[in-house]
Amino acid sequence: MSTVVIAYFNDTNWLVKGTEHLYDMLAAKEAADLEISIITCQMWAEVLRMWEEPEEGKMPWAIHPKIIERLKSRERTTVI
């Protein structure tokens, strides 16, 4: 089963795991069985620790709040 992790920090949602699902989520075409976790972080270091594919000098993808709002309404989305 595929998993996406989005870290929420400083009023921004960061895609830290499951970047292969980015375009499907943006187009509202993600698989019904896709597990999505939205995790609130208190420090930027937490976001970076969860980031699956960190690259020097780059940042994770930021996801628009309207996309997050829609994702939160899915049955397989967990908000922590």
PDB file of N, CA and C in Angstrom:
ATOM      1  N   MET A   1       0.843  -1.177   0.000  1.00  0.00           N
ATOM      2  CA  MET A   1       0.000   0.000   0.000  1.00  0.00           C
ATOM      3  C   MET A   1       0.890   1.242   0.000  1.00  0.00           C
ATOM      4  N   SER A   2       0.520   2.235  -0.771  1.00  0.00           N
ATOM      5  CA  SER A   2       1.288   3.468  -0.876  1.00  0.00           C
ATOM      6  C   SER A   2       0.940   4.418   0.266  1.00  0.00           C
ATOM      7  N   THR A   3       1.937   5.221   0.639  1.00  0.00           N
ATOM      8  CA  THR A   3       1.764   6.152   1.745  1.00  0.00           C
ATOM      9  C   THR A   3       2.316   7.522   1.375  1.00  0.00           C
ATOM     10  N   VAL A   4       1.607   8.548   1.803  1.00  0.00           N
ATOM     11  CA  VAL A   4       2.046   9.930   1.661  1.00  0.00           C
ATOM     12  C   VAL A   4       2.106  10.531   3.054  1.00  0.00           C
ATOM     13  N   VAL A   5       3.166  11.300   3.322  1.00  0.00           N
ATOM     14  CA  VAL A   5       3.271  12.022   4.585  1.00  0.00           C
ATOM     15  C   VAL A   5       3.445  13.497   4.258  1.00  0.00           C
ATOM     16  N   ILE A   6       2.597  14.311   4.875  1.00  0.00           N
ATOM     17  CA  ILE A   6       2.651  15.760   4.723  1.00  0.00           C
ATOM     18  C   ILE A   6       2.917  16.336   6.103  1.00  0.00           C
ATOM     19  N   ALA A   7       3.974  17.130   6.215  1.00  0.00           N
ATOM     20  CA  ALA A   7       4.323  17.764   7.487  1.00  0.00           C
ATOM     21  C   ALA A   7       3.812  19.202   7.480  1.00  0.00           C
ATOM     22  N   TYR A   8       3.071  19.552   8.515  1.00  0.00           N
ATOM     23  CA  TYR A   8       2.539  20.916   8.647  1.00  0.00           C
ATOM     24  C   TYR A   8       3.415  21.676   9.632  1.00  0.00           C
ATOM     25  N   PHE A   9       4.028  22.759   9.150  1.00  0.00           N
ATOM     26  CA  PHE A   9       4.881  23.582  10.007  1.00  0.00           C
ATOM     27  C   PHE A   9       4.840  25.021   9.529  1.00  0.00           C
ATOM     28  N   ASN A  10       4.707  25.951  10.465  1.00  0.00           N
ATOM     29  CA  ASN A  10       4.784  27.385  10.164  1.00  0.00           C
ATOM     30  C   ASN A  10       3.761  27.777   9.088  1.00  0.00           C
ATOM     31  N   ASP A  11       2.529  27.290   9.235  1.00  0.00           N
ATOM     32  CA  ASP A  11       1.422  27.589   8.316  1.00  0.00           C
ATOM     33  C   ASP A  11       1.637  27.084   6.891  1.00  0.00           C
ATOM     34  N   THR A  12       2.497  26.099   6.717  1.00  0.00           N
ATOM     35  CA  THR A  12       2.756  25.524   5.397  1.00  0.00           C
ATOM     36  C   THR A  12       2.720  24.007   5.501  1.00  0.00           C
ATOM     37  N   ASN A  13       2.174  23.366   4.463  1.00  0.00           N
ATOM     38  CA  ASN A  13       2.121  21.906   4.376  1.00  0.00           C
ATOM     39  C   ASN A  13       3.210  21.438   3.418  1.00  0.00           C
ATOM     40  N   TRP A  14       4.094  20.571   3.915  1.00  0.00           N
ATOM     41  CA  TRP A  14       5.253  20.110   3.148  1.00  0.00           C
ATOM     42  C   TRP A  14       5.119  18.621   2.822  1.00  0.00           C
ATOM     43  N   LEU A  15       5.248  18.272   1.558  1.00  0.00           N
ATOM     44  CA  LEU A  15       5.203  16.866   1.141  1.00  0.00           C
ATOM     45  C   LEU A  15       6.567  16.248   1.407  1.00  0.00           C
ATOM     46  N   VAL A  16       6.642  15.399   2.436  1.00  0.00           N
ATOM     47  CA  VAL A  16       7.938  14.841   2.836  1.00  0.00           C
ATOM     48  C   VAL A  16       8.104  13.361   2.473  1.00  0.00           C
ATOM     49  N   LYS A  17       7.015  12.711   2.102  1.00  0.00           N
ATOM     50  CA  LYS A  17       7.092  11.313   1.674  1.00  0.00           C
ATOM     51  C   LYS A  17       5.984  11.047   0.669  1.00  0.00           C
ATOM     52  N   GLY A  18       6.330  10.342  -0.417  1.00  0.00           N
ATOM     53  CA  GLY A  18       5.330   9.986  -1.423  1.00  0.00           C
ATOM     54  C   GLY A  18       5.257  10.970  -2.571  1.00  0.00           C
ATOM     55  N   THR A  19       6.383  11.558  -2.934  1.00  0.00           N
ATOM     56  CA  THR A  19       6.383  12.543  -4.020  1.00  0.00           C
ATOM     57  C   THR A  19       5.891  11.961  -5.340  1.00  0.00           C
ATOM     58  N   GLU A  20       5.955  10.651  -5.490  1.00  0.00           N
ATOM     59  CA  GLU A  20       5.467  10.035  -6.725  1.00  0.00           C
ATOM     60  C   GLU A  20       3.950  10.207  -6.889  1.00  0.00           C
ATOM     61  N   HIS A  21       3.259  10.611  -5.818  1.00  0.00           N
ATOM     62  CA  HIS A  21       1.808  10.825  -5.867  1.00  0.00           C
ATOM     63  C   HIS A  21       1.442  12.303  -6.002  1.00  0.00           C
ATOM     64  N   LEU A  22       2.430  13.176  -6.097  1.00  0.00           N
ATOM     65  CA  LEU A  22       2.190  14.618  -6.119  1.00  0.00           C
ATOM     66  C   LEU A  22       1.214  15.026  -7.210  1.00  0.00           C
ATOM     67  N   TYR A  23       1.485  14.662  -8.445  1.00  0.00           N
ATOM     68  CA  TYR A  23       0.644  15.112  -9.562  1.00  0.00           C
ATOM     69  C   TYR A  23      -0.769  14.566  -9.467  1.00  0.00           C
ATOM     70  N   ASP A  24      -0.919  13.334  -8.998  1.00  0.00           N
ATOM     71  CA  ASP A  24      -2.268  12.775  -8.808  1.00  0.00           C
ATOM     72  C   ASP A  24      -3.036  13.542  -7.735  1.00  0.00           C
ATOM     73  N   MET A  25      -2.354  13.909  -6.642  1.00  0.00           N
ATOM     74  CA  MET A  25      -3.024  14.674  -5.586  1.00  0.00           C
ATOM     75  C   MET A  25      -3.415  16.060  -6.077  1.00  0.00           C
ATOM     76  N   LEU A  26      -2.547  16.698  -6.846  1.00  0.00           N
ATOM     77  CA  LEU A  26      -2.856  18.035  -7.364  1.00  0.00           C
ATOM     78  C   LEU A  26      -4.044  18.003  -8.320  1.00  0.00           C
ATOM     79  N   ALA A  27      -4.195  16.903  -9.057  1.00  0.00           N
ATOM     80  CA  ALA A  27      -5.287  16.756 -10.022  1.00  0.00           C
ATOM     81  C   ALA A  27      -6.522  16.077  -9.411  1.00  0.00           C
ATOM     82  N   ALA A  28      -6.479  15.806  -8.103  1.00  0.00           N
ATOM     83  CA  ALA A  28      -7.572  15.114  -7.399  1.00  0.00           C
ATOM     84  C   ALA A  28      -7.832  13.736  -8.000  1.00  0.00           C
ATOM     85  N   LYS A  29      -6.756  13.043  -8.386  1.00  0.00           N
ATOM     86  CA  LYS A  29      -6.882  11.717  -8.980  1.00  0.00           C
ATOM     87  C   LYS A  29      -6.090  10.663  -8.203  1.00  0.00           C
ATOM     88  N   GLU A  30      -5.819  10.930  -6.926  1.00  0.00           N
ATOM     89  CA  GLU A  30      -5.070   9.955  -6.135  1.00  0.00           C
ATOM     90  C   GLU A  30      -5.898   8.696  -5.937  1.00  0.00           C
ATOM     91  N   ALA A  31      -5.226   7.576  -5.791  1.00  0.00           N
ATOM     92  CA  ALA A  31      -5.894   6.290  -5.601  1.00  0.00           C
ATOM     93  C   ALA A  31      -6.708   6.310  -4.312  1.00  0.00           C
ATOM     94  N   ALA A  32      -7.854   5.667  -4.335  1.00  0.00           N
ATOM     95  CA  ALA A  32      -8.742   5.631  -3.161  1.00  0.00           C
ATOM     96  C   ALA A  32      -8.072   4.965  -1.966  1.00  0.00           C
ATOM     97  N   ASP A  33      -7.166   4.007  -2.218  1.00  0.00           N
ATOM     98  CA  ASP A  33      -6.511   3.302  -1.111  1.00  0.00           C
ATOM     99  C   ASP A  33      -5.203   3.970  -0.668  1.00  0.00           C
ATOM    100  N   LEU A  34      -4.892   5.137  -1.190  1.00  0.00           N
ATOM    101  CA  LEU A  34      -3.682   5.858  -0.802  1.00  0.00           C
ATOM    102  C   LEU A  34      -3.829   6.360   0.634  1.00  0.00           C
ATOM    103  N   GLU A  35      -2.898   5.964   1.485  1.00  0.00           N
ATOM    104  CA  GLU A  35      -2.889   6.398   2.880  1.00  0.00           C
ATOM    105  C   GLU A  35      -2.145   7.728   2.969  1.00  0.00           C
ATOM    106  N   ILE A  36      -2.784   8.751   3.544  1.00  0.00           N
ATOM    107  CA  ILE A  36      -2.169  10.067   3.691  1.00  0.00           C
ATOM    108  C   ILE A  36      -2.178  10.439   5.165  1.00  0.00           C
ATOM    109  N   SER A  37      -1.015  10.848   5.675  1.00  0.00           N
ATOM    110  CA  SER A  37      -0.895  11.337   7.047  1.00  0.00           C
ATOM    111  C   SER A  37      -0.452  12.788   6.991  1.00  0.00           C
ATOM    112  N   ILE A  38      -1.153  13.628   7.732  1.00  0.00           N
ATOM    113  CA  ILE A  38      -0.784  15.037   7.859  1.00  0.00           C
ATOM    114  C   ILE A  38      -0.359  15.227   9.312  1.00  0.00           C
ATOM    115  N   ILE A  39       0.917  15.536   9.507  1.00  0.00           N
ATOM    116  CA  ILE A  39       1.505  15.579  10.844  1.00  0.00           C
ATOM    117  C   ILE A  39       1.944  17.002  11.174  1.00  0.00           C
ATOM    118  N   THR A  40       1.470  17.519  12.293  1.00  0.00           N
ATOM    119  CA  THR A  40       1.878  18.848  12.738  1.00  0.00           C
ATOM    120  C   THR A  40       3.248  18.762  13.407  1.00  0.00           C
ATOM    121  N   CYS A  41       4.147  19.637  12.982  1.00  0.00           N
ATOM    122  CA  CYS A  41       5.499  19.689  13.532  1.00  0.00           C
ATOM    123  C   CYS A  41       5.700  20.996  14.286  1.00  0.00           C
ATOM    124  N   GLN A  42       6.464  20.930  15.360  1.00  0.00           N
ATOM    125  CA  GLN A  42       6.757  22.114  16.164  1.00  0.00           C
ATOM    126  C   GLN A  42       8.051  22.805  15.725  1.00  0.00           C
ATOM    127  N   MET A  43       8.926  22.050  15.055  1.00  0.00           N
ATOM    128  CA  MET A  43      10.225  22.596  14.633  1.00  0.00           C
ATOM    129  C   MET A  43      10.536  22.157  13.208  1.00  0.00           C
ATOM    130  N   TRP A  44      11.264  22.991  12.463  1.00  0.00           N
ATOM    131  CA  TRP A  44      11.665  22.676  11.098  1.00  0.00           C
ATOM    132  C   TRP A  44      12.488  21.397  11.049  1.00  0.00           C
ATOM    133  N   ALA A  45      13.267  21.156  12.092  1.00  0.00           N
ATOM    134  CA  ALA A  45      14.103  19.946  12.142  1.00  0.00           C
ATOM    135  C   ALA A  45      13.246  18.682  12.055  1.00  0.00           C
ATOM    136  N   GLU A  46      12.043  18.713  12.606  1.00  0.00           N
ATOM    137  CA  GLU A  46      11.135  17.559  12.519  1.00  0.00           C
ATOM    138  C   GLU A  46      10.726  17.304  11.069  1.00  0.00           C
ATOM    139  N   VAL A  47      10.447  18.373  10.339  1.00  0.00           N
ATOM    140  CA  VAL A  47      10.092  18.254   8.922  1.00  0.00           C
ATOM    141  C   VAL A  47      11.238  17.604   8.164  1.00  0.00           C
ATOM    142  N   LEU A  48      12.436  18.093   8.396  1.00  0.00           N
ATOM    143  CA  LEU A  48      13.609  17.568   7.690  1.00  0.00           C
ATOM    144  C   LEU A  48      13.879  16.108   8.035  1.00  0.00           C
ATOM    145  N   ARG A  49      13.637  15.707   9.279  1.00  0.00           N
ATOM    146  CA  ARG A  49      13.847  14.299   9.668  1.00  0.00           C
ATOM    147  C   ARG A  49      12.870  13.369   8.942  1.00  0.00           C
ATOM    148  N   MET A  50      11.662  13.860   8.682  1.00  0.00           N
ATOM    149  CA  MET A  50      10.660  13.025   8.000  1.00  0.00           C
ATOM    150  C   MET A  50      10.840  13.016   6.489  1.00  0.00           C
ATOM    151  N   TRP A  51      11.568  13.984   5.943  1.00  0.00           N
ATOM    152  CA  TRP A  51      11.713  14.115   4.496  1.00  0.00           C
ATOM    153  C   TRP A  51      12.436  12.902   3.940  1.00  0.00           C
ATOM    154  N   GLU A  52      11.754  12.166   3.090  1.00  0.00           N
ATOM    155  CA  GLU A  52      12.242  10.894   2.561  1.00  0.00           C
ATOM    156  C   GLU A  52      13.445  11.044   1.623  1.00  0.00           C
ATOM    157  N   GLU A  53      13.464  12.094   0.817  1.00  0.00           N
ATOM    158  CA  GLU A  53      14.520  12.259  -0.185  1.00  0.00           C
ATOM    159  C   GLU A  53      15.145  13.653  -0.112  1.00  0.00           C
ATOM    160  N   PRO A  54      15.802  13.984   1.013  1.00  0.00           N
ATOM    161  CA  PRO A  54      16.376  15.326   1.119  1.00  0.00           C
ATOM    162  C   PRO A  54      17.518  15.538   0.122  1.00  0.00           C
ATOM    163  N   GLU A  55      17.598  16.750  -0.398  1.00  0.00           N
ATOM    164  CA  GLU A  55      18.670  17.120  -1.310  1.00  0.00           C
ATOM    165  C   GLU A  55      19.271  18.419  -0.823  1.00  0.00           C
ATOM    166  N   GLU A  56      20.572  18.500  -0.826  1.00  0.00           N
ATOM    167  CA  GLU A  56      21.283  19.704  -0.393  1.00  0.00           C
ATOM    168  C   GLU A  56      20.805  20.913  -1.186  1.00  0.00           C
ATOM    169  N   GLY A  57      20.443  21.972  -0.485  1.00  0.00           N
ATOM    170  CA  GLY A  57      20.025  23.207  -1.136  1.00  0.00           C
ATOM    171  C   GLY A  57      18.594  23.222  -1.643  1.00  0.00           C
ATOM    172  N   LYS A  58      17.823  22.166  -1.378  1.00  0.00           N
ATOM    173  CA  LYS A  58      16.428  22.104  -1.832  1.00  0.00           C
ATOM    174  C   LYS A  58      15.494  21.965  -0.648  1.00  0.00           C
ATOM    175  N   MET A  59      14.212  22.157  -0.918  1.00  0.00           N
ATOM    176  CA  MET A  59      13.180  22.015   0.113  1.00  0.00           C
ATOM    177  C   MET A  59      12.107  21.057  -0.397  1.00  0.00           C
ATOM    178  N   PRO A  60      11.329  20.477   0.528  1.00  0.00           N
ATOM    179  CA  PRO A  60      10.216  19.629   0.088  1.00  0.00           C
ATOM    180  C   PRO A  60       9.174  20.470  -0.656  1.00  0.00           C
ATOM    181  N   TRP A  61       8.305  19.797  -1.400  1.00  0.00           N
ATOM    182  CA  TRP A  61       7.220  20.486  -2.092  1.00  0.00           C
ATOM    183  C   TRP A  61       6.247  21.060  -1.072  1.00  0.00           C
ATOM    184  N   ALA A  62       5.830  22.306  -1.259  1.00  0.00           N
ATOM    185  CA  ALA A  62       4.778  22.918  -0.444  1.00  0.00           C
ATOM    186  C   ALA A  62       3.445  22.669  -1.156  1.00  0.00           C
ATOM    187  N   ILE A  63       2.433  22.270  -0.398  1.00  0.00           N
ATOM    188  CA  ILE A  63       1.130  21.938  -0.956  1.00  0.00           C
ATOM    189  C   ILE A  63       0.126  23.034  -0.589  1.00  0.00           C
ATOM    190  N   HIS A  64      -0.625  23.489  -1.564  1.00  0.00           N
ATOM    191  CA  HIS A  64      -1.592  24.569  -1.390  1.00  0.00           C
ATOM    192  C   HIS A  64      -2.656  24.185  -0.352  1.00  0.00           C
ATOM    193  N   PRO A  65      -3.047  25.132   0.511  1.00  0.00           N
ATOM    194  CA  PRO A  65      -4.049  24.834   1.546  1.00  0.00           C
ATOM    195  C   PRO A  65      -5.364  24.275   1.010  1.00  0.00           C
ATOM    196  N   LYS A  66      -5.802  24.669  -0.167  1.00  0.00           N
ATOM    197  CA  LYS A  66      -7.055  24.131  -0.726  1.00  0.00           C
ATOM    198  C   LYS A  66      -6.917  22.642  -1.057  1.00  0.00           C
ATOM    199  N   ILE A  67      -5.737  22.232  -1.496  1.00  0.00           N
ATOM    200  CA  ILE A  67      -5.482  20.799  -1.753  1.00  0.00           C
ATOM    201  C   ILE A  67      -5.531  20.041  -0.431  1.00  0.00           C
ATOM    202  N   ILE A  68      -4.907  20.609   0.599  1.00  0.00           N
ATOM    203  CA  ILE A  68      -4.904  19.977   1.922  1.00  0.00           C
ATOM    204  C   ILE A  68      -6.324  19.854   2.453  1.00  0.00           C
ATOM    205  N   GLU A  69      -7.112  20.886   2.291  1.00  0.00           N
ATOM    206  CA  GLU A  69      -8.513  20.861   2.736  1.00  0.00           C
ATOM    207  C   GLU A  69      -9.262  19.693   2.092  1.00  0.00           C
ATOM    208  N   ARG A  70      -9.056  19.503   0.793  1.00  0.00           N
ATOM    209  CA  ARG A  70      -9.715  18.389   0.099  1.00  0.00           C
ATOM    210  C   ARG A  70      -9.179  17.049   0.593  1.00  0.00           C
ATOM    211  N   LEU A  71      -7.861  16.955   0.762  1.00  0.00           N
ATOM    212  CA  LEU A  71      -7.265  15.700   1.217  1.00  0.00           C
ATOM    213  C   LEU A  71      -7.750  15.318   2.611  1.00  0.00           C
ATOM    214  N   LYS A  72      -7.964  16.296   3.465  1.00  0.00           N
ATOM    215  CA  LYS A  72      -8.444  16.022   4.822  1.00  0.00           C
ATOM    216  C   LYS A  72      -9.837  15.401   4.826  1.00  0.00           C
ATOM    217  N   SER A  73     -10.602  15.617   3.782  1.00  0.00           N
ATOM    218  CA  SER A  73     -11.961  15.068   3.728  1.00  0.00           C
ATOM    219  C   SER A  73     -11.990  13.606   3.273  1.00  0.00           C
ATOM    220  N   ARG A  74     -10.840  13.082   2.857  1.00  0.00           N
ATOM    221  CA  ARG A  74     -10.778  11.684   2.409  1.00  0.00           C
ATOM    222  C   ARG A  74     -10.881  10.714   3.586  1.00  0.00           C
ATOM    223  N   GLU A  75     -11.409   9.534   3.308  1.00  0.00           N
ATOM    224  CA  GLU A  75     -11.540   8.513   4.334  1.00  0.00           C
ATOM    225  C   GLU A  75     -10.168   8.005   4.830  1.00  0.00           C
ATOM    226  N   ARG A  76      -9.195   7.939   3.927  1.00  0.00           N
ATOM    227  CA  ARG A  76      -7.883   7.379   4.282  1.00  0.00           C
ATOM    228  C   ARG A  76      -6.835   8.452   4.597  1.00  0.00           C
ATOM    229  N   THR A  77      -7.287   9.598   5.078  1.00  0.00           N
ATOM    230  CA  THR A  77      -6.361  10.643   5.509  1.00  0.00           C
ATOM    231  C   THR A  77      -6.439  10.774   7.025  1.00  0.00           C
ATOM    232  N   THR A  78      -5.280  10.756   7.655  1.00  0.00           N
ATOM    233  CA  THR A  78      -5.176  10.897   9.093  1.00  0.00           C
ATOM    234  C   THR A  78      -4.473  12.210   9.408  1.00  0.00           C
ATOM    235  N   VAL A  79      -5.039  12.968  10.321  1.00  0.00           N
ATOM    236  CA  VAL A  79      -4.432  14.227  10.761  1.00  0.00           C
ATOM    237  C   VAL A  79      -3.942  14.042  12.190  1.00  0.00           C
ATOM    238  N   ILE A  80      -2.640  14.246  12.359  1.00  0.00           N
ATOM    239  CA  ILE A  80      -2.022  14.040  13.683  1.00  0.00           C
ATOM    240  C   ILE A  80      -1.487  15.367  14.198  1.00  0.00           C
TER     241      ILE A  80
END
